[in-house]
Amino acid sequence: MQNFVIENATLVLPDRVQHGWLAVADGLIAEIGEGRAPERGLDIGGDHLIPGLVELHTDHLESHYAPRPKVRWHPLGAVLAYDAQIAASGITTVFDSLRAGSDPDGSGLGSELDALASAIDTARRGDLLRAEHRTHLRCELPSADVLPTVESFSARHAIDLISLMDHTPGQRQFRDIGKYETYATRGGRSLDEIRTATARKIAEGTALNAANRPALVALARSRGIPLASHDDTTLADVDLAAGEGVALAEFPTTREAAEAAHGRGITVMMGAPNLLRGGSHSGNVAAHDLAEAGFLDILSSDYVPASLAMAAFLIPERVPGIGLSAAIATVTANPARATGLTDRGELREGLRADLARVRLADGLPVMREVWRAGIRIV
């Protein structure tokens, strides 16, 4: 481990922002001070120093592994390229979102899920990764093979978070069938093919969901794996999630669902791209509106890793009453606490020295240096 001092920094602390310095020893934050450092160190010229970002839901790994329809990249090569982009975005802890369960139209990783997870394990064992990688298994409930896939996966790989996902057209994220059809055309299929598959999904989805959801909840409970619900839309969705012991509400689609989840003690997560774009690509509730209402706890980069820091630094400009410390917590302390990680996520003495040096270029946060446990990774 390296022992060093970072000086002349704009420190984003849990309760305030101050000019000062931070000392690292044996991979931990040893001391934090205001003003001039007691000894010379790395002078970062007034740049912001924030905790390393914690990402709970990113779909980006699959786009490295399957960059085009029917194209598969080298699994380890895909993992390393993805890891480099994650670290360069200031993310020091990432929950890799891997889909379990195949769609009726043939999309999804299917049996390739294990190949990708094994590549992550290989990179971890070989000390090839910059960020710390954990597994977020996205379980597609209206899938005939989701339960055996999860059971088989859990016998070989660690699972750190399970999300209960139902992308059946006509409800939750895709209440608007027209928007769903627009989304589905990204794979290059014709509209007739999409509509045939959509009819099949609607017909089969309810029965599969009813069987798979309680089984997956029971599996998560038996193994102590935190649960997330996905795209809650109605009060009934939130009631169901609360009864299952769900800890995290991913991307609620309505203000009503977000408010209810927040009131039931369920942590609410929204997409950083939603906040940056000013709204959801599916026409659902805007993250900005939930932040203003006090119902937003966590941001996720979802499909653009760099959006995490961009959105956090933008919140204080967009939402009166939310300062930079609270905004940074939505991408650091809050996601760490939601998943039981109490050793990181804040600039506080005794915590792990996961750090990111950020320079603002015309308001855009640029990652200049990143450390994980005191070791520079970018």
Protein backbone atom coordinates (compact mmCIF):
# COMPACT_ATOMS: atom_id res chain seq x y z
CA MET A 1 0.00 0.00 0.00
CA GLN A 2 1.16 3.53 -0.71
CA ASN A 3 1.28 6.20 1.99
CA PHE A 4 0.84 9.72 0.64
CA VAL A 5 -0.80 13.11 1.10
CA ILE A 6 -3.10 14.88 -1.35
CA GLU A 7 -2.94 18.65 -0.83
CA ASN A 8 -4.53 21.80 -2.23
CA ALA A 9 -7.79 19.94 -2.77
CA THR A 10 -11.45 20.92 -2.76
CA LEU A 11 -12.65 18.17 -0.45
CA VAL A 12 -16.26 17.03 -0.80
CA LEU A 13 -16.94 15.82 2.74
CA PRO A 14 -20.20 14.23 3.95
CA ASP A 15 -21.52 17.51 5.39
CA ARG A 16 -19.55 20.27 3.68
CA VAL A 17 -17.07 21.26 0.98
CA GLN A 18 -13.74 22.69 2.15
CA HIS A 19 -10.27 23.46 0.89
CA GLY A 20 -7.74 21.17 2.51
CA TRP A 21 -5.74 17.96 2.41
CA LEU A 22 -6.12 14.22 2.91
CA ALA A 23 -3.57 11.64 4.02
CA VAL A 24 -3.63 7.97 2.96
CA ALA A 25 -1.92 5.18 4.89
CA ASP A 26 -2.13 1.44 4.25
CA GLY A 27 -5.04 1.84 1.86
CA LEU A 28 -7.19 3.83 4.29
CA ILE A 29 -7.95 7.50 4.79
CA ALA A 30 -5.69 8.29 7.75
CA GLU A 31 -6.34 11.99 8.30
CA ILE A 32 -8.23 14.93 6.80
CA GLY A 33 -7.40 18.57 7.42
CA GLU A 34 -8.38 22.07 6.40
CA GLY A 35 -6.10 24.59 4.75
CA ARG A 36 -2.42 23.89 4.12
CA ALA A 37 -1.13 20.32 4.56
CA PRO A 38 1.42 19.69 7.35
CA GLU A 39 3.77 18.18 4.78
CA ARG A 40 4.18 18.37 1.04
CA GLY A 41 2.24 15.90 -1.04
CA LEU A 42 0.47 15.58 -4.36
CA ASP A 43 -0.74 19.08 -5.18
CA ILE A 44 -3.94 18.75 -7.20
CA GLY A 45 -4.32 22.47 -7.86
CA GLY A 46 -7.70 22.98 -6.23
CA ASP A 47 -9.43 20.13 -8.09
CA HIS A 48 -12.31 18.38 -6.34
CA LEU A 49 -11.49 15.25 -4.37
CA ILE A 50 -14.48 12.97 -3.93
CA PRO A 51 -15.00 9.37 -2.82
CA GLY A 52 -14.71 6.72 -5.53
CA LEU A 53 -18.10 6.21 -7.16
CA VAL A 54 -20.24 3.17 -6.36
CA GLU A 55 -22.29 1.86 -9.32
CA LEU A 56 -25.12 -0.57 -8.61
CA HIS A 57 -26.67 -1.08 -12.05
CA THR A 58 -24.79 -0.79 -15.33
CA ASP A 59 -25.77 -2.67 -18.46
CA HIS A 60 -22.52 -1.67 -20.12
CA LEU A 61 -20.61 -4.95 -19.82
CA GLU A 62 -22.95 -6.77 -22.19
CA SER A 63 -22.41 -4.11 -24.86
CA HIS A 64 -18.67 -4.85 -24.77
CA TYR A 65 -19.28 -8.60 -25.02
CA ALA A 66 -22.08 -8.40 -27.61
CA PRO A 67 -21.36 -5.15 -29.51
CA ARG A 68 -23.55 -6.12 -32.48
CA PRO A 69 -26.37 -8.63 -33.06
CA LYS A 70 -24.87 -12.15 -33.31
CA VAL A 71 -21.37 -10.80 -32.56
CA ARG A 72 -19.51 -12.04 -29.47
CA TRP A 73 -16.20 -10.57 -28.33
CA HIS A 74 -13.48 -12.37 -26.39
CA PRO A 75 -15.00 -12.60 -22.87
CA LEU A 76 -11.86 -11.61 -20.96
CA GLY A 77 -11.06 -8.88 -23.47
CA ALA A 78 -14.58 -7.52 -23.09
CA VAL A 79 -14.31 -7.53 -19.29
CA LEU A 80 -10.98 -5.68 -19.30
CA ALA A 81 -12.15 -3.04 -21.77
CA TYR A 82 -15.30 -2.49 -19.73
CA ASP A 83 -13.30 -2.32 -16.48
CA ALA A 84 -11.01 0.34 -17.95
CA GLN A 85 -13.99 2.49 -18.95
CA ILE A 86 -15.59 2.03 -15.53
CA ALA A 87 -12.42 3.12 -13.72
CA ALA A 88 -11.89 6.07 -16.06
CA SER A 89 -15.39 7.23 -15.09
CA GLY A 90 -14.33 7.41 -11.43
CA ILE A 91 -16.13 4.21 -10.42
CA THR A 92 -14.13 2.18 -7.90
CA THR A 93 -16.89 -0.28 -6.93
CA VAL A 94 -19.17 -1.65 -9.64
CA PHE A 95 -22.00 -4.16 -9.52
CA ASP A 96 -21.82 -5.79 -12.95
CA SER A 97 -25.38 -6.25 -14.22
CA LEU A 98 -25.73 -9.66 -15.83
CA ARG A 99 -29.03 -10.88 -17.26
CA ALA A 100 -30.39 -14.24 -16.15
CA GLY A 101 -33.25 -15.56 -18.25
CA SER A 102 -33.82 -15.61 -22.01
CA ASP A 103 -36.51 -13.71 -23.86
CA PRO A 104 -38.95 -15.64 -26.08
CA ASP A 105 -37.45 -13.81 -29.08
CA GLY A 106 -34.01 -15.25 -28.32
CA SER A 107 -32.36 -12.17 -26.82
CA GLY A 108 -30.32 -12.31 -23.64
CA LEU A 109 -27.10 -14.13 -22.85
CA GLY A 110 -28.64 -17.50 -22.03
CA SER A 111 -25.88 -20.06 -21.41
CA GLU A 112 -23.25 -17.42 -22.25
CA LEU A 113 -23.92 -15.82 -18.86
CA ASP A 114 -21.52 -18.28 -17.25
CA ALA A 115 -18.77 -17.52 -19.78
CA LEU A 116 -18.92 -13.83 -18.98
CA ALA A 117 -19.05 -14.38 -15.21
CA SER A 118 -16.11 -16.79 -15.48
CA ALA A 119 -14.12 -14.14 -17.36
CA ILE A 120 -14.74 -11.70 -14.49
CA ASP A 121 -13.58 -14.36 -12.01
CA THR A 122 -10.44 -14.97 -14.09
CA ALA A 123 -9.63 -11.26 -14.19
CA ARG A 124 -10.21 -10.96 -10.44
CA ARG A 125 -7.96 -13.92 -9.62
CA GLY A 126 -5.24 -12.56 -11.90
CA ASP A 127 -5.41 -9.11 -10.29
CA LEU A 128 -6.20 -7.62 -13.70
CA LEU A 129 -9.07 -5.37 -12.64
CA ARG A 130 -8.90 -1.69 -11.78
CA ALA A 131 -12.28 -1.39 -10.03
CA GLU A 132 -13.74 -3.78 -7.48
CA HIS A 133 -16.33 -5.89 -9.29
CA ARG A 134 -19.42 -7.40 -7.68
CA THR A 135 -22.32 -9.23 -9.31
CA HIS A 136 -25.80 -7.83 -9.81
CA LEU A 137 -27.94 -10.57 -11.31
CA ARG A 138 -30.85 -9.10 -13.29
CA CYS A 139 -33.49 -11.81 -13.22
CA GLU A 140 -36.05 -11.66 -16.04
CA LEU A 141 -39.18 -13.01 -14.35
CA PRO A 142 -41.23 -13.75 -17.50
CA SER A 143 -38.59 -16.24 -18.67
CA ALA A 144 -38.91 -20.00 -18.79
CA ASP A 145 -35.28 -20.62 -17.86
CA VAL A 146 -34.58 -17.89 -15.28
CA LEU A 147 -34.90 -20.05 -12.16
CA PRO A 148 -32.62 -22.93 -13.26
CA THR A 149 -30.18 -20.36 -14.64
CA VAL A 150 -29.94 -18.54 -11.31
CA GLU A 151 -29.65 -21.77 -9.34
CA SER A 152 -26.86 -23.01 -11.60
CA PHE A 153 -25.10 -19.62 -11.57
CA SER A 154 -25.22 -19.34 -7.77
CA ALA A 155 -23.49 -22.71 -7.41
CA ARG A 156 -20.40 -21.35 -9.24
CA HIS A 157 -20.35 -17.59 -8.71
CA ALA A 158 -20.98 -15.12 -5.90
CA ILE A 159 -24.13 -12.97 -6.18
CA ASP A 160 -24.19 -9.61 -4.39
CA LEU A 161 -27.54 -8.22 -5.57
CA ILE A 162 -30.60 -9.68 -7.29
CA SER A 163 -33.14 -7.55 -9.12
CA LEU A 164 -36.64 -8.75 -9.95
CA MET A 165 -37.32 -7.58 -13.50
CA ASP A 166 -40.42 -7.85 -15.64
CA HIS A 167 -40.17 -6.32 -19.09
CA THR A 168 -43.48 -7.72 -20.33
CA PRO A 169 -44.88 -5.16 -22.82
CA GLY A 170 -47.90 -3.23 -21.63
CA GLN A 171 -46.83 -2.73 -18.00
CA ARG A 172 -44.10 -1.21 -15.82
CA GLN A 173 -41.36 0.36 -18.00
CA PHE A 174 -43.17 -0.44 -21.23
CA ARG A 175 -46.75 0.54 -20.47
CA ASP A 176 -46.76 2.31 -23.84
CA ILE A 177 -46.63 -0.47 -26.46
CA GLY A 178 -45.60 2.00 -29.14
CA LYS A 179 -42.53 3.07 -27.18
CA TYR A 180 -41.71 -0.57 -26.55
CA GLU A 181 -41.82 -1.31 -30.28
CA THR A 182 -39.47 1.62 -30.95
CA TYR A 183 -37.08 0.30 -28.29
CA ALA A 184 -37.24 -3.25 -29.67
CA THR A 185 -36.31 -2.22 -33.23
CA ARG A 186 -32.74 -1.58 -32.05
CA GLY A 187 -31.96 -5.24 -32.71
CA GLY A 188 -32.70 -4.87 -36.42
CA ARG A 189 -35.92 -6.91 -36.41
CA SER A 190 -38.93 -5.99 -38.50
CA LEU A 191 -42.04 -4.55 -36.88
CA ASP A 192 -44.00 -7.71 -37.77
CA GLU A 193 -41.41 -9.86 -35.96
CA ILE A 194 -41.53 -7.57 -32.94
CA ARG A 195 -45.33 -7.64 -32.77
CA THR A 196 -45.41 -11.44 -32.99
CA ALA A 197 -42.89 -11.70 -30.15
CA THR A 198 -44.77 -9.06 -28.16
CA ALA A 199 -48.01 -11.01 -28.33
CA ARG A 200 -46.21 -14.13 -27.12
CA LYS A 201 -44.56 -12.25 -24.25
CA ILE A 202 -47.86 -10.82 -23.06
CA ALA A 203 -49.57 -14.22 -23.25
CA GLU A 204 -46.84 -16.07 -21.33
CA GLY A 205 -45.50 -13.37 -19.03
CA THR A 206 -48.12 -13.41 -16.27
CA ALA A 207 -47.91 -17.13 -15.52
CA LEU A 208 -44.11 -17.20 -15.64
CA ASN A 209 -43.87 -14.18 -13.35
CA ALA A 210 -46.26 -15.72 -10.83
CA ALA A 211 -44.11 -18.85 -10.58
CA ASN A 212 -40.64 -17.32 -10.77
CA ARG A 213 -40.93 -14.29 -8.51
CA PRO A 214 -41.63 -16.05 -5.18
CA ALA A 215 -39.02 -18.71 -5.96
CA LEU A 216 -36.33 -16.11 -6.58
CA VAL A 217 -37.31 -14.14 -3.47
CA ALA A 218 -36.97 -17.33 -1.42
CA LEU A 219 -33.58 -18.08 -2.97
CA ALA A 220 -32.29 -14.57 -2.18
CA ARG A 221 -33.55 -14.74 1.40
CA SER A 222 -31.96 -18.14 2.01
CA ARG A 223 -28.57 -16.82 0.89
CA GLY A 224 -28.74 -13.33 2.39
CA ILE A 225 -28.64 -11.59 -1.00
CA PRO A 226 -30.12 -8.05 -1.11
CA LEU A 227 -33.16 -7.67 -3.36
CA ALA A 228 -34.10 -4.91 -5.77
CA SER A 229 -37.41 -4.38 -7.52
CA HIS A 230 -37.41 -2.96 -11.03
CA ASP A 231 -39.70 -0.42 -12.72
CA ASP A 232 -42.33 -0.30 -9.96
CA THR A 233 -45.28 1.62 -11.34
CA THR A 234 -48.28 1.26 -9.03
CA LEU A 235 -48.88 1.21 -5.29
CA ALA A 236 -49.57 -2.51 -5.64
CA ASP A 237 -46.06 -2.97 -7.11
CA VAL A 238 -44.54 -1.21 -4.10
CA ASP A 239 -46.66 -3.16 -1.62
CA LEU A 240 -45.51 -6.41 -3.23
CA ALA A 241 -41.85 -5.35 -3.08
CA ALA A 242 -42.10 -4.20 0.55
CA GLY A 243 -43.67 -7.51 1.55
CA GLU A 244 -40.78 -9.36 -0.08
CA GLY A 245 -38.18 -7.41 1.87
CA VAL A 246 -36.90 -5.49 -1.16
CA ALA A 247 -34.24 -2.96 -0.16
CA LEU A 248 -33.83 -1.05 -3.43
CA ALA A 249 -36.35 0.31 -5.95
CA GLU A 250 -34.65 0.56 -9.33
CA PHE A 251 -36.07 3.14 -11.70
CA PRO A 252 -39.68 3.49 -10.47
CA THR A 253 -41.67 4.68 -13.47
CA THR A 254 -44.12 6.97 -11.66
CA ARG A 255 -43.87 9.59 -8.94
CA GLU A 256 -46.58 7.69 -7.06
CA ALA A 257 -44.44 4.54 -6.89
CA ALA A 258 -41.28 6.44 -5.95
CA GLU A 259 -43.04 8.30 -3.15
CA ALA A 260 -44.59 5.11 -1.81
CA ALA A 261 -41.27 3.25 -1.91
CA HIS A 262 -39.49 6.09 -0.16
CA GLY A 263 -42.20 6.13 2.50
CA ARG A 264 -41.82 2.38 3.07
CA GLY A 265 -38.09 2.73 3.68
CA ILE A 266 -37.08 1.35 0.28
CA THR A 267 -34.10 3.17 -1.25
CA VAL A 268 -35.01 4.79 -4.58
CA MET A 269 -32.57 4.69 -7.50
CA MET A 270 -32.94 6.51 -10.81
CA GLY A 271 -30.83 6.72 -13.95
CA ALA A 272 -28.22 9.44 -14.35
CA PRO A 273 -28.96 9.62 -18.11
CA ASN A 274 -32.59 10.36 -17.21
CA LEU A 275 -31.47 13.34 -15.12
CA LEU A 276 -29.02 14.61 -17.74
CA ARG A 277 -31.50 14.29 -20.61
CA GLY A 278 -34.31 15.85 -18.60
CA GLY A 279 -36.52 12.79 -18.72
CA SER A 280 -36.89 9.08 -19.35
CA HIS A 281 -36.36 7.62 -22.83
CA SER A 282 -39.49 5.52 -22.17
CA GLY A 283 -41.66 8.47 -21.17
CA ASN A 284 -41.65 7.62 -17.46
CA VAL A 285 -41.14 9.94 -14.48
CA ALA A 286 -38.18 12.31 -14.63
CA ALA A 287 -35.36 11.83 -12.12
CA HIS A 288 -35.19 15.61 -11.73
CA ASP A 289 -38.78 15.71 -10.47
CA LEU A 290 -38.07 13.01 -7.88
CA ALA A 291 -34.94 14.83 -6.72
CA GLU A 292 -36.92 18.03 -6.24
CA ALA A 293 -39.55 16.12 -4.26
CA GLY A 294 -36.95 14.48 -2.01
CA PHE A 295 -37.58 10.93 -3.26
CA LEU A 296 -34.25 10.32 -5.02
CA ASP A 297 -31.57 8.48 -3.02
CA ILE A 298 -29.21 6.94 -5.59
CA LEU A 299 -28.17 7.55 -9.18
CA SER A 300 -27.04 4.80 -11.55
CA SER A 301 -25.15 5.28 -14.81
CA ASP A 302 -27.40 2.60 -16.39
CA TYR A 303 -26.01 2.58 -19.94
CA VAL A 304 -23.40 5.43 -19.92
CA PRO A 305 -20.70 5.06 -17.21
CA ALA A 306 -19.52 8.69 -17.46
CA SER A 307 -23.04 9.93 -16.73
CA LEU A 308 -22.68 9.09 -13.02
CA ALA A 309 -20.28 11.91 -12.15
CA MET A 310 -21.87 14.26 -14.69
CA ALA A 311 -25.29 13.95 -13.07
CA ALA A 312 -23.97 14.25 -9.50
CA PHE A 313 -22.20 17.53 -10.25
CA LEU A 314 -25.26 18.80 -12.14
CA ILE A 315 -27.80 18.22 -9.33
CA PRO A 316 -26.86 21.31 -7.28
CA GLU A 317 -27.39 23.48 -10.37
CA ARG A 318 -30.71 21.87 -11.27
CA VAL A 319 -32.28 21.25 -7.87
CA PRO A 320 -32.40 24.06 -5.29
CA GLY A 321 -31.66 22.87 -1.77
CA ILE A 322 -29.38 19.97 -2.75
CA GLY A 323 -25.76 20.88 -2.17
CA LEU A 324 -22.71 19.18 -3.63
CA SER A 325 -22.12 16.93 -0.60
CA ALA A 326 -25.65 15.50 -0.79
CA ALA A 327 -25.43 15.19 -4.57
CA ILE A 328 -22.14 13.28 -4.43
CA ALA A 329 -23.67 10.97 -1.78
CA THR A 330 -26.18 9.73 -4.38
CA VAL A 331 -23.28 8.10 -6.26
CA THR A 332 -21.04 7.18 -3.31
CA ALA A 333 -22.29 6.79 0.27
CA ASN A 334 -25.93 6.00 -0.51
CA PRO A 335 -25.34 3.10 -2.93
CA ALA A 336 -22.62 1.75 -0.63
CA ARG A 337 -24.95 1.72 2.39
CA ALA A 338 -27.85 0.26 0.40
CA THR A 339 -25.75 -2.82 -0.33
CA GLY A 340 -24.14 -3.16 3.08
CA LEU A 341 -20.75 -1.69 2.17
CA THR A 342 -19.85 0.35 5.25
CA ASP A 343 -16.11 0.67 4.55
CA ARG A 344 -16.31 3.13 1.65
CA GLY A 345 -18.33 5.93 0.06
CA GLU A 346 -17.22 8.95 2.11
CA LEU A 347 -14.12 11.04 2.74
CA ARG A 348 -13.87 10.03 6.37
CA GLU A 349 -10.97 8.86 8.49
CA GLY A 350 -10.77 5.07 8.75
CA LEU A 351 -12.63 4.35 5.52
CA ARG A 352 -11.06 2.81 2.45
CA ALA A 353 -9.09 5.26 0.34
CA ASP A 354 -11.28 5.00 -2.76
CA LEU A 355 -10.81 8.46 -4.23
CA ALA A 356 -11.36 10.41 -7.44
CA ARG A 357 -9.73 13.68 -8.45
CA VAL A 358 -12.17 15.69 -10.55
CA ARG A 359 -11.48 18.79 -12.61
CA LEU A 360 -14.41 20.81 -13.93
CA ALA A 361 -14.02 21.80 -17.58
CA ASP A 362 -16.84 24.18 -18.51
CA GLY A 363 -18.90 22.41 -15.85
CA LEU A 364 -18.07 18.94 -17.11
CA PRO A 365 -16.43 16.70 -14.48
CA VAL A 366 -13.22 15.18 -15.85
CA MET A 367 -11.54 12.35 -13.97
CA ARG A 368 -7.85 13.20 -13.63
CA GLU A 369 -6.78 10.48 -11.18
CA VAL A 370 -8.56 7.62 -9.41
CA TRP A 371 -7.39 5.47 -6.48
CA ARG A 372 -8.82 2.24 -5.09
CA ALA A 373 -7.68 1.34 -1.57
CA GLY A 374 -4.86 3.85 -1.95
CA ILE A 375 -3.57 2.42 -5.24
CA ARG A 376 -3.83 4.59 -8.30
CA ILE A 377 -5.88 2.89 -11.03
CA VAL A 378 -6.30 5.81 -13.46
